[in-house]
Every structure is written in structure tokens, then in C-alpha cells.
N, C-alpha and C. Protein backbone atom coordinates (compact mmCIF):
# COMPACT_ATOMS: atom_id res chain seq x y z
N MET A 1 -69.08 -34.52 23.41
CA MET A 1 -67.99 -35.16 23.58
C MET A 1 -66.47 -34.47 23.08
N ALA A 2 -65.76 -34.42 24.25
CA ALA A 2 -64.50 -33.37 24.30
C ALA A 2 -63.28 -33.79 23.33
N THR A 3 -62.65 -32.66 22.68
CA THR A 3 -61.66 -33.15 21.91
C THR A 3 -60.56 -32.65 22.71
N HIS A 4 -59.42 -33.58 23.23
CA HIS A 4 -58.31 -33.18 23.78
C HIS A 4 -57.04 -33.72 23.02
N SER A 5 -55.81 -33.09 23.39
CA SER A 5 -54.85 -33.62 23.02
C SER A 5 -54.74 -35.33 23.22
N ARG A 6 -54.37 -36.15 22.20
CA ARG A 6 -54.15 -37.44 22.28
C ARG A 6 -52.89 -38.01 23.13
N PHE A 7 -52.16 -36.67 23.24
CA PHE A 7 -50.91 -37.09 23.77
C PHE A 7 -50.81 -36.82 25.46
N GLY A 8 -51.72 -36.63 25.94
CA GLY A 8 -51.98 -36.38 27.38
C GLY A 8 -50.82 -35.68 28.23
N ASP A 9 -50.42 -36.51 29.13
CA ASP A 9 -49.03 -36.22 29.90
C ASP A 9 -47.86 -36.22 29.15
N GLU A 10 -47.96 -37.00 28.37
CA GLU A 10 -46.69 -37.30 27.39
C GLU A 10 -46.24 -36.04 26.75
N SER A 11 -47.11 -35.11 26.52
CA SER A 11 -46.80 -34.06 25.43
C SER A 11 -46.07 -33.11 25.86
N THR A 12 -45.90 -32.94 27.17
CA THR A 12 -44.73 -32.44 27.62
C THR A 12 -43.43 -32.45 27.30
N SER A 13 -43.06 -33.92 27.20
CA SER A 13 -41.66 -34.25 26.88
C SER A 13 -41.49 -34.59 25.53
N ALA A 14 -42.45 -35.21 24.62
CA ALA A 14 -42.24 -35.63 23.16
C ALA A 14 -42.16 -34.39 22.53
N GLU A 15 -41.24 -34.72 21.51
CA GLU A 15 -40.66 -33.48 20.57
C GLU A 15 -42.09 -33.67 19.47
N LEU A 16 -41.90 -32.49 18.58
CA LEU A 16 -42.68 -32.39 17.61
C LEU A 16 -41.96 -32.53 16.16
N THR A 17 -42.26 -33.52 15.51
CA THR A 17 -41.44 -33.78 14.03
C THR A 17 -41.52 -32.60 13.48
N PRO A 18 -40.48 -32.27 12.44
CA PRO A 18 -40.56 -31.38 11.59
C PRO A 18 -41.67 -31.34 10.84
N ASP A 19 -42.26 -32.49 10.23
CA ASP A 19 -43.76 -32.63 9.50
C ASP A 19 -44.63 -32.05 10.15
N THR A 20 -44.84 -32.43 11.48
CA THR A 20 -46.03 -31.74 12.42
C THR A 20 -45.60 -30.32 12.50
N VAL A 21 -44.32 -29.65 12.80
CA VAL A 21 -44.22 -28.32 12.89
C VAL A 21 -44.82 -27.71 11.47
N PHE A 22 -44.00 -28.19 10.48
CA PHE A 22 -44.45 -27.57 9.14
C PHE A 22 -46.15 -27.46 8.71
N SER A 23 -46.74 -28.81 9.04
CA SER A 23 -48.30 -29.13 9.01
C SER A 23 -48.94 -27.77 10.03
N VAL A 24 -48.50 -27.65 11.18
CA VAL A 24 -49.31 -26.70 12.14
C VAL A 24 -49.06 -25.17 11.69
N LEU A 25 -47.94 -25.05 11.28
CA LEU A 25 -47.46 -23.59 10.93
C LEU A 25 -48.07 -23.39 9.49
N SER A 26 -48.38 -24.15 8.85
CA SER A 26 -48.39 -23.81 7.27
C SER A 26 -49.57 -23.17 7.01
N ASN A 27 -50.68 -22.82 7.87
CA ASN A 27 -51.82 -22.09 7.85
C ASN A 27 -51.66 -20.77 8.73
N GLU A 28 -52.36 -19.78 8.13
CA GLU A 28 -52.08 -18.55 8.83
C GLU A 28 -53.07 -18.51 9.85
N ARG A 29 -54.23 -19.06 9.89
CA ARG A 29 -55.31 -18.90 10.86
C ARG A 29 -54.62 -19.77 12.12
N ARG A 30 -54.13 -21.10 11.86
CA ARG A 30 -53.52 -21.82 12.94
C ARG A 30 -52.44 -21.12 13.77
N ARG A 31 -51.69 -20.29 13.02
CA ARG A 31 -50.51 -19.30 13.45
C ARG A 31 -51.21 -18.18 14.50
N GLN A 32 -52.26 -17.69 14.08
CA GLN A 32 -52.84 -16.72 14.76
C GLN A 32 -53.54 -17.32 15.96
N VAL A 33 -53.87 -18.58 15.96
CA VAL A 33 -54.44 -19.14 16.90
C VAL A 33 -53.42 -19.16 18.09
N LEU A 34 -52.47 -19.75 17.78
CA LEU A 34 -51.08 -19.90 18.51
C LEU A 34 -50.81 -18.65 19.12
N ARG A 35 -50.68 -17.45 18.47
CA ARG A 35 -50.11 -16.29 18.80
C ARG A 35 -51.30 -15.83 19.94
N HIS A 36 -52.65 -16.00 19.57
CA HIS A 36 -53.34 -15.40 20.52
C HIS A 36 -53.35 -16.22 21.90
N LEU A 37 -53.39 -17.52 21.73
CA LEU A 37 -53.36 -18.24 23.12
C LEU A 37 -52.01 -17.99 23.61
N HIS A 38 -50.91 -17.89 22.92
CA HIS A 38 -49.47 -17.49 23.67
C HIS A 38 -49.80 -16.15 24.47
N ASP A 39 -50.75 -15.18 24.04
CA ASP A 39 -50.83 -13.75 24.60
C ASP A 39 -51.75 -14.21 25.70
N ARG A 40 -52.69 -14.83 25.71
CA ARG A 40 -53.92 -15.07 26.59
C ARG A 40 -53.60 -15.94 27.39
N GLY A 41 -52.99 -17.13 27.19
CA GLY A 41 -52.80 -18.23 28.16
C GLY A 41 -53.78 -19.41 27.87
N GLY A 42 -55.16 -18.82 27.55
CA GLY A 42 -56.50 -19.84 27.04
C GLY A 42 -57.29 -18.81 26.46
N SER A 43 -58.54 -19.48 25.93
CA SER A 43 -59.54 -18.74 25.46
C SER A 43 -60.82 -19.68 25.01
N ASN A 44 -61.82 -19.08 25.08
CA ASN A 44 -63.04 -19.53 24.60
C ASN A 44 -63.01 -19.65 22.97
N VAL A 45 -63.69 -20.55 22.29
CA VAL A 45 -63.62 -20.58 21.13
C VAL A 45 -64.53 -19.35 20.25
N ARG A 46 -65.45 -18.92 21.07
CA ARG A 46 -66.06 -17.66 20.60
C ARG A 46 -65.44 -16.41 20.66
N GLU A 47 -64.45 -16.16 21.59
CA GLU A 47 -63.52 -15.09 21.86
C GLU A 47 -62.48 -15.10 20.82
N LEU A 48 -62.09 -16.32 20.59
CA LEU A 48 -61.05 -16.74 19.62
C LEU A 48 -61.11 -16.44 18.28
N SER A 49 -62.58 -16.73 17.90
CA SER A 49 -63.03 -16.67 16.73
C SER A 49 -63.19 -15.01 16.27
N GLN A 50 -63.93 -14.28 17.52
CA GLN A 50 -64.08 -12.79 17.64
C GLN A 50 -62.85 -12.14 17.00
N GLN A 51 -61.59 -12.54 17.75
CA GLN A 51 -60.32 -11.85 17.63
C GLN A 51 -59.66 -12.11 16.31
N LEU A 52 -59.70 -13.44 15.82
CA LEU A 52 -59.29 -13.68 14.47
C LEU A 52 -59.79 -13.19 13.31
N ALA A 53 -61.33 -12.86 13.40
CA ALA A 53 -62.23 -12.28 12.44
C ALA A 53 -61.71 -10.82 12.31
N ALA A 54 -61.48 -10.00 13.62
CA ALA A 54 -61.09 -9.01 13.61
C ALA A 54 -59.70 -8.61 12.89
N TRP A 55 -58.67 -9.69 13.31
CA TRP A 55 -57.30 -9.39 12.74
C TRP A 55 -57.71 -9.64 10.99
N GLU A 56 -58.23 -10.85 10.71
CA GLU A 56 -58.67 -10.92 9.02
C GLU A 56 -59.36 -9.74 8.28
N ASN A 57 -60.36 -9.10 9.14
CA ASN A 57 -61.13 -8.13 8.35
C ASN A 57 -60.35 -6.74 8.77
N ASP A 58 -59.08 -6.58 9.51
CA ASP A 58 -58.69 -5.47 9.84
C ASP A 58 -59.45 -4.29 10.51
N VAL A 59 -60.25 -4.77 11.40
CA VAL A 59 -61.19 -4.21 12.36
C VAL A 59 -61.10 -4.39 13.72
N GLN A 60 -61.69 -3.58 14.61
CA GLN A 60 -61.76 -4.14 16.01
C GLN A 60 -62.59 -5.17 16.22
N PRO A 61 -62.24 -5.81 17.21
CA PRO A 61 -63.23 -6.97 17.45
C PRO A 61 -64.51 -6.57 17.88
N GLU A 62 -64.84 -5.44 18.40
CA GLU A 62 -66.43 -5.21 18.61
C GLU A 62 -67.06 -4.98 17.23
N ALA A 63 -66.32 -4.75 16.31
CA ALA A 63 -66.72 -4.16 14.96
C ALA A 63 -66.91 -5.51 14.15
N VAL A 64 -66.55 -6.57 14.45
CA VAL A 64 -66.82 -7.94 13.74
C VAL A 64 -68.15 -8.14 13.55
N THR A 65 -68.37 -8.46 12.35
CA THR A 65 -70.05 -9.16 12.10
C THR A 65 -70.21 -10.55 12.61
N TYR A 66 -71.60 -10.72 12.68
CA TYR A 66 -71.64 -12.11 13.14
C TYR A 66 -71.25 -13.20 11.99
N LYS A 67 -71.50 -12.71 10.70
CA LYS A 67 -71.07 -13.75 9.64
C LYS A 67 -69.54 -13.61 9.41
N GLN A 68 -68.68 -12.63 9.65
CA GLN A 68 -67.36 -12.74 9.79
C GLN A 68 -66.81 -13.75 10.69
N ARG A 69 -67.49 -13.62 12.21
CA ARG A 69 -67.34 -14.33 13.14
C ARG A 69 -67.52 -15.83 12.92
N LYS A 70 -68.64 -15.93 12.56
CA LYS A 70 -69.39 -17.40 12.42
C LYS A 70 -68.37 -18.10 11.38
N ARG A 71 -68.02 -17.57 10.07
CA ARG A 71 -67.18 -17.98 9.18
C ARG A 71 -65.64 -18.70 9.81
N VAL A 72 -65.10 -18.01 10.55
CA VAL A 72 -63.87 -18.19 11.51
C VAL A 72 -64.22 -19.18 12.28
N TYR A 73 -65.27 -19.20 13.34
CA TYR A 73 -65.74 -20.20 14.18
C TYR A 73 -65.81 -21.56 13.48
N THR A 74 -66.40 -21.53 12.51
CA THR A 74 -66.67 -22.85 11.82
C THR A 74 -65.69 -23.64 11.44
N SER A 75 -64.70 -22.83 10.87
CA SER A 75 -63.29 -23.24 10.35
C SER A 75 -62.49 -23.88 11.65
N LEU A 76 -62.48 -23.08 12.70
CA LEU A 76 -61.72 -23.28 13.79
C LEU A 76 -62.08 -24.78 14.55
N HIS A 77 -63.57 -24.80 14.77
CA HIS A 77 -64.36 -25.81 15.25
C HIS A 77 -63.93 -27.15 14.40
N GLN A 78 -64.37 -26.93 12.99
CA GLN A 78 -64.19 -28.45 12.30
C GLN A 78 -62.78 -28.64 11.79
N THR A 79 -61.90 -27.50 11.75
CA THR A 79 -60.43 -27.90 11.15
C THR A 79 -59.23 -27.68 11.68
N HIS A 80 -59.21 -26.30 12.22
CA HIS A 80 -58.06 -26.05 12.87
C HIS A 80 -57.79 -26.45 14.35
N LEU A 81 -58.64 -26.22 15.15
CA LEU A 81 -58.49 -26.80 16.49
C LEU A 81 -58.44 -28.32 16.57
N PRO A 82 -59.03 -29.21 15.95
CA PRO A 82 -58.90 -30.46 15.92
C PRO A 82 -57.36 -30.68 15.49
N ALA A 83 -57.07 -29.96 14.43
CA ALA A 83 -55.58 -30.36 13.90
C ALA A 83 -54.43 -29.84 14.89
N LEU A 84 -54.73 -28.90 15.71
CA LEU A 84 -53.89 -28.28 16.71
C LEU A 84 -53.77 -29.46 17.87
N ALA A 85 -54.93 -29.91 18.29
CA ALA A 85 -55.30 -30.69 19.60
C ALA A 85 -54.30 -31.93 18.81
N GLU A 86 -54.55 -32.69 17.61
CA GLU A 86 -54.04 -33.73 17.30
C GLU A 86 -52.50 -33.67 17.23
N ALA A 87 -51.98 -32.52 16.82
CA ALA A 87 -50.53 -32.29 17.00
C ALA A 87 -50.09 -32.32 18.67
N GLY A 88 -50.77 -32.05 19.39
CA GLY A 88 -50.37 -31.92 20.76
C GLY A 88 -50.06 -30.67 21.22
N VAL A 89 -50.54 -29.60 20.55
CA VAL A 89 -49.93 -28.31 21.02
C VAL A 89 -51.08 -27.28 21.62
N VAL A 90 -52.41 -28.09 21.51
CA VAL A 90 -53.35 -27.34 22.45
C VAL A 90 -54.17 -28.39 22.89
N ASP A 91 -54.94 -28.12 24.00
CA ASP A 91 -55.89 -28.74 24.45
C ASP A 91 -57.28 -28.22 24.28
N TYR A 92 -58.16 -28.95 23.49
CA TYR A 92 -59.46 -28.25 22.97
C TYR A 92 -60.84 -29.00 23.70
N ASP A 93 -61.29 -28.50 24.43
CA ASP A 93 -62.51 -29.03 24.62
C ASP A 93 -63.54 -28.63 24.07
N ARG A 94 -64.05 -29.47 23.28
CA ARG A 94 -65.24 -28.90 22.09
C ARG A 94 -66.47 -28.86 22.79
N ASP A 95 -66.79 -29.61 24.06
CA ASP A 95 -67.91 -29.26 24.65
C ASP A 95 -67.93 -28.37 25.34
N ARG A 96 -66.79 -27.84 25.98
CA ARG A 96 -67.07 -26.59 26.93
C ARG A 96 -66.83 -25.52 25.85
N GLY A 97 -66.13 -25.76 24.90
CA GLY A 97 -65.78 -24.61 23.92
C GLY A 97 -64.16 -23.68 24.32
N THR A 98 -63.61 -24.43 25.25
CA THR A 98 -62.36 -23.98 25.67
C THR A 98 -61.01 -24.31 24.82
N VAL A 99 -60.23 -23.92 24.78
CA VAL A 99 -58.95 -24.28 24.08
C VAL A 99 -57.83 -23.47 24.92
N ARG A 100 -56.62 -24.28 25.09
CA ARG A 100 -55.52 -23.58 25.80
C ARG A 100 -54.20 -24.36 25.01
N LEU A 101 -53.02 -23.77 25.39
CA LEU A 101 -51.68 -24.17 24.82
C LEU A 101 -51.29 -25.21 25.80
N THR A 102 -50.49 -26.27 25.31
CA THR A 102 -49.87 -27.08 26.33
C THR A 102 -48.26 -26.77 26.36
N ALA A 103 -47.93 -27.73 27.13
CA ALA A 103 -46.27 -27.33 27.02
C ALA A 103 -45.59 -27.66 26.04
N ARG A 104 -46.07 -28.33 25.17
CA ARG A 104 -45.37 -28.91 23.81
C ARG A 104 -45.52 -27.74 22.95
N ALA A 105 -46.38 -26.67 22.89
CA ALA A 105 -46.63 -25.69 22.12
C ALA A 105 -45.39 -24.78 22.18
N SER A 106 -44.77 -24.74 23.26
CA SER A 106 -43.39 -23.92 23.23
C SER A 106 -42.51 -24.11 22.38
N VAL A 107 -42.46 -25.21 21.72
CA VAL A 107 -41.65 -25.51 20.50
C VAL A 107 -41.83 -24.63 19.40
N LEU A 108 -42.99 -24.23 19.23
CA LEU A 108 -43.30 -23.42 18.20
C LEU A 108 -43.05 -22.00 18.36
N ASP A 109 -42.57 -21.56 19.49
CA ASP A 109 -42.42 -20.01 20.12
C ASP A 109 -41.31 -19.52 19.15
N GLU A 110 -40.36 -20.14 18.66
CA GLU A 110 -39.32 -19.21 18.02
C GLU A 110 -39.64 -19.16 16.30
N TYR A 111 -40.93 -19.66 16.07
CA TYR A 111 -41.14 -19.57 14.76
C TYR A 111 -42.35 -18.69 14.78
N LEU A 112 -43.02 -18.50 15.83
CA LEU A 112 -44.04 -17.28 15.94
C LEU A 112 -43.59 -16.00 16.24
N ALA A 113 -42.43 -15.79 16.59
CA ALA A 113 -42.02 -14.42 17.27
C ALA A 113 -42.47 -13.40 15.97
N THR A 114 -42.99 -12.35 16.50
CA THR A 114 -43.55 -11.42 15.45
C THR A 114 -42.46 -10.36 15.09
N ASP A 115 -41.40 -10.32 16.18
CA ASP A 115 -40.58 -9.09 15.98
C ASP A 115 -39.15 -9.26 15.42
N VAL A 116 -39.17 -10.33 15.07
CA VAL A 116 -38.00 -10.75 14.58
C VAL A 116 -37.33 -9.85 13.48
N GLY A 117 -38.17 -9.57 12.50
CA GLY A 117 -37.71 -8.73 11.49
C GLY A 117 -37.42 -7.08 12.08
N GLU A 118 -38.06 -6.70 13.05
CA GLU A 118 -38.06 -5.42 13.47
C GLU A 118 -36.75 -5.30 14.41
N SER A 119 -36.19 -6.42 14.88
CA SER A 119 -35.14 -6.27 15.99
C SER A 119 -33.78 -6.40 15.08
N SER A 120 -33.96 -6.94 13.97
CA SER A 120 -32.59 -7.09 13.28
C SER A 120 -32.63 -6.00 12.23
N PRO A 121 -31.20 -5.38 11.76
CA PRO A 121 -31.18 -4.65 10.82
C PRO A 121 -31.55 -5.38 9.35
N PRO A 122 -31.94 -4.39 8.50
CA PRO A 122 -32.53 -4.74 7.21
C PRO A 122 -31.19 -5.29 6.39
N TRP A 123 -30.87 -6.43 6.39
CA TRP A 123 -29.46 -6.53 5.74
C TRP A 123 -29.44 -6.43 4.28
N PRO A 124 -30.35 -6.77 3.76
CA PRO A 124 -30.33 -6.37 2.10
C PRO A 124 -30.20 -4.99 1.60
N ALA A 125 -30.74 -4.08 2.60
CA ALA A 125 -30.63 -2.53 2.27
C ALA A 125 -29.12 -2.01 2.90
N VAL A 126 -28.67 -2.91 4.01
CA VAL A 126 -27.18 -2.46 4.25
C VAL A 126 -26.26 -2.87 3.03
N TYR A 127 -26.30 -3.97 2.67
CA TYR A 127 -25.59 -4.43 1.58
C TYR A 127 -25.33 -3.52 0.40
N LEU A 128 -26.74 -3.29 0.12
CA LEU A 128 -27.05 -2.45 -1.20
C LEU A 128 -26.64 -1.19 -0.95
N GLY A 129 -26.83 -0.61 0.11
CA GLY A 129 -26.07 0.75 0.62
C GLY A 129 -24.47 0.51 0.43
N ILE A 130 -24.01 -0.13 0.87
CA ILE A 130 -22.47 -0.38 0.68
C ILE A 130 -21.99 -0.39 -0.62
N ALA A 131 -22.72 -1.22 -1.52
CA ALA A 131 -22.47 -1.31 -2.90
C ALA A 131 -22.65 -0.11 -3.66
N ALA A 132 -23.75 0.56 -3.27
CA ALA A 132 -24.02 2.07 -3.94
C ALA A 132 -22.97 3.01 -3.58
N VAL A 133 -22.51 2.89 -2.15
CA VAL A 133 -21.35 3.82 -2.10
C VAL A 133 -19.92 3.48 -2.64
N GLY A 134 -19.97 2.29 -2.73
CA GLY A 134 -18.66 1.93 -3.49
C GLY A 134 -18.66 1.95 -5.04
N THR A 135 -19.82 1.94 -5.64
CA THR A 135 -20.02 2.00 -6.85
C THR A 135 -19.76 3.59 -7.59
N VAL A 136 -20.50 4.44 -6.53
CA VAL A 136 -20.27 5.94 -6.72
C VAL A 136 -18.70 6.26 -6.56
N ALA A 137 -18.17 5.98 -5.56
CA ALA A 137 -16.81 6.26 -5.36
C ALA A 137 -15.90 5.78 -6.35
N THR A 138 -15.87 4.54 -7.02
CA THR A 138 -15.39 3.93 -8.17
C THR A 138 -15.97 4.96 -9.37
N LEU A 139 -16.83 5.15 -9.53
CA LEU A 139 -17.25 6.18 -10.90
C LEU A 139 -16.58 7.27 -10.52
N LEU A 140 -16.87 8.12 -9.37
CA LEU A 140 -16.14 9.56 -9.31
C LEU A 140 -14.56 9.29 -9.27
N ALA A 141 -13.79 8.08 -8.84
CA ALA A 141 -12.67 7.95 -9.18
C ALA A 141 -12.19 8.00 -10.56
N ALA A 142 -13.21 7.26 -11.12
CA ALA A 142 -12.86 6.97 -12.80
C ALA A 142 -12.72 8.11 -13.63
N VAL A 143 -13.64 9.05 -13.40
CA VAL A 143 -13.86 10.31 -13.95
C VAL A 143 -13.13 11.45 -13.78
N GLY A 144 -12.29 11.22 -12.70
CA GLY A 144 -11.35 11.94 -12.10
C GLY A 144 -11.92 13.23 -11.07
N LEU A 145 -12.98 12.83 -10.62
CA LEU A 145 -13.63 13.87 -9.46
C LEU A 145 -12.93 13.54 -8.12
N LEU A 146 -12.37 12.75 -7.76
CA LEU A 146 -11.84 12.72 -6.66
C LEU A 146 -10.55 13.14 -6.59
N PRO A 147 -9.92 13.68 -5.43
CA PRO A 147 -8.61 14.18 -5.41
C PRO A 147 -7.55 13.19 -5.73
N ALA A 148 -6.55 13.58 -6.10
CA ALA A 148 -5.19 12.41 -6.56
C ALA A 148 -4.91 12.21 -5.31
N ALA A 149 -5.14 12.39 -4.14
CA ALA A 149 -4.62 11.82 -3.13
C ALA A 149 -5.42 10.75 -2.69
N VAL A 150 -6.74 10.46 -3.20
CA VAL A 150 -7.30 9.34 -2.93
C VAL A 150 -6.97 8.23 -4.14
N PRO A 151 -6.30 7.14 -3.80
CA PRO A 151 -5.95 6.49 -5.21
C PRO A 151 -7.18 5.42 -4.94
N ASP A 152 -7.42 5.08 -6.44
CA ASP A 152 -8.55 3.80 -6.58
C ASP A 152 -8.34 2.55 -5.65
N LEU A 153 -7.03 2.42 -5.59
CA LEU A 153 -6.74 1.17 -4.46
C LEU A 153 -7.72 1.24 -3.15
N ALA A 154 -7.26 2.60 -2.72
CA ALA A 154 -7.90 2.92 -1.32
C ALA A 154 -9.37 2.69 -1.30
N ILE A 155 -10.00 3.08 -2.29
CA ILE A 155 -11.57 3.05 -2.38
C ILE A 155 -11.89 1.65 -2.44
N ALA A 156 -11.19 0.81 -3.19
CA ALA A 156 -11.63 -0.49 -3.21
C ALA A 156 -11.39 -1.23 -2.05
N GLY A 157 -10.25 -0.87 -1.44
CA GLY A 157 -9.82 -1.36 -0.14
C GLY A 157 -10.88 -1.16 1.10
N VAL A 158 -11.48 0.36 1.23
CA VAL A 158 -12.35 0.83 2.20
C VAL A 158 -13.53 -0.19 1.76
N VAL A 159 -13.96 -0.14 0.80
CA VAL A 159 -15.11 -0.74 0.34
C VAL A 159 -15.22 -2.26 0.74
N SER A 160 -14.22 -2.95 0.46
CA SER A 160 -14.03 -4.52 0.57
C SER A 160 -13.86 -4.66 1.96
N VAL A 161 -13.13 -3.91 2.89
CA VAL A 161 -13.22 -3.99 4.33
C VAL A 161 -14.41 -4.01 5.04
N THR A 162 -15.19 -2.60 4.59
CA THR A 162 -16.55 -2.45 5.02
C THR A 162 -17.33 -3.78 4.92
N LEU A 163 -17.43 -4.18 3.53
CA LEU A 163 -18.31 -5.35 3.25
C LEU A 163 -17.90 -6.51 4.05
N ALA A 164 -16.68 -6.86 4.33
CA ALA A 164 -16.44 -7.86 4.99
C ALA A 164 -16.53 -7.66 6.59
N VAL A 165 -16.60 -6.56 6.98
CA VAL A 165 -17.01 -6.23 8.37
C VAL A 165 -18.45 -6.56 8.78
N VAL A 166 -19.22 -5.88 7.76
CA VAL A 166 -20.68 -5.98 7.80
C VAL A 166 -21.21 -7.56 7.64
N ALA A 167 -20.53 -8.13 6.77
CA ALA A 167 -20.88 -9.47 6.30
C ALA A 167 -20.48 -10.34 7.74
N GLY A 168 -19.47 -10.08 8.29
CA GLY A 168 -18.97 -10.83 9.68
C GLY A 168 -19.92 -10.66 10.76
N VAL A 169 -20.21 -9.35 10.91
CA VAL A 169 -21.38 -9.08 11.79
C VAL A 169 -22.60 -9.75 11.73
N HIS A 170 -23.07 -9.56 10.34
CA HIS A 170 -24.54 -10.47 10.07
C HIS A 170 -24.29 -12.10 10.21
N SER A 171 -23.06 -12.56 9.95
CA SER A 171 -23.00 -13.74 9.85
C SER A 171 -22.90 -14.30 11.63
N TYR A 172 -22.37 -13.29 12.19
CA TYR A 172 -22.25 -13.69 13.67
C TYR A 172 -23.71 -13.65 14.39
N LEU A 173 -24.43 -12.53 14.29
CA LEU A 173 -25.89 -12.31 14.63
C LEU A 173 -26.73 -13.47 14.04
N ALA A 174 -26.62 -14.10 12.79
CA ALA A 174 -27.20 -15.36 12.36
C ALA A 174 -27.03 -16.32 13.07
N SER A 175 -25.71 -16.63 13.50
CA SER A 175 -25.48 -17.96 14.12
C SER A 175 -25.47 -17.86 15.53
N ASP A 176 -25.65 -16.47 16.33
CA ASP A 176 -25.91 -16.42 17.46
C ASP A 176 -27.20 -16.54 17.77
N ALA A 177 -28.25 -16.17 16.89
CA ALA A 177 -29.78 -16.59 17.00
C ALA A 177 -30.04 -17.85 16.57
N ASP A 178 -29.38 -18.73 15.95
CA ASP A 178 -29.54 -20.13 15.82
C ASP A 178 -28.94 -20.79 17.23
N TRP A 179 -27.86 -20.38 17.90
CA TRP A 179 -27.51 -21.05 18.92
C TRP A 179 -28.57 -20.82 20.12
N SER A 180 -29.31 -19.45 20.13
CA SER A 180 -29.64 -19.23 21.52
C SER A 180 -31.21 -19.86 21.87
N THR A 181 -31.49 -20.75 20.76
CA THR A 181 -32.57 -21.49 21.07
C THR A 181 -32.49 -22.68 21.62
């Protein structure tokens, strides 16, 4: 008996509810399934379980043991693939052992992006660096180690303007990312 998405042709136009999105993405193994299928277009359950077991055990797919693959295969077959099919994001043919993404799965792409953190600056480090420079400059001015030509107010102004500019850039980039989807 095959297990298919219950949404049929409607799955391309129906939207996922927030509860469905959270449920689908709440499990790391399901997120890995979606990433793998996104990269490959489709897969069979054996290949999929082999790759997921490799990621989970931090080994090459060829080095995955039967026991490691079987543990992943069982959870995919019994739990995760039926849940993804029920949500309408994959077509899972249990009889053939095949699984592929549906058009509906594209809604999840923005949540599964793996390079989001790599492409944006590490904002907490940027803010911490500005605060550290401002603190050091303020302390140097307080103990008189800065030339008299650099008034304390100028230090505070430079730090404040720098912080405002960086916060503005951060805010702009964050809002631009929100609107780009």
C-alpha cells in the first residue's frame, strides 16, 4: 500500500499553516530529509537513510554500518516520511520506497537555508567590538592618556554615531531579508 500526500494536486496551491510548518521543522531528522531531497530532487528510502545515518554519525555514507542505517530507516519509514507526506511536503510511495518533494515544500526553503549565518555579519560580535572600543577610549580619556586635543565628548560622539550607523545597517539588512521572501 502506497502512502502519498493526501493533498494531491491541491498541494501546490494550499498554504502550510504555521502549526504544520512548526511540526514539520521541529525534528532535526525531518529537516535533514528535506535538505537531502532539496539537493537531490528525490530519493529512495534506503539511500536517504544511508545519508542521514552518515550525517548523524559524522562518517562518510560508505562507512555507515547496517545497524546505524537500519535505525534511521525504521524511524523514517514509521514516523518521519508519513508525517511529511501528511503535511503535503513530500510524496512518499511506501511500496516502491521512493520519496520526493512536492511543490508545497518550497514554502519551507527559507527556514532550511544553511548559509544564513555564514552570509551575514556576526552582529553580536560587531556590537561587542564597538562597545569595547568605546569603553577603552573612555577609560583612556578618564585617566588622561589621550591627548588633550581629543575631548571626552568627541569620543562619546564617535562611538554613538558608529553604533547608530551599525544598528541602522543591521536593521536595514534584517528588514530586507524579511521582505525578500
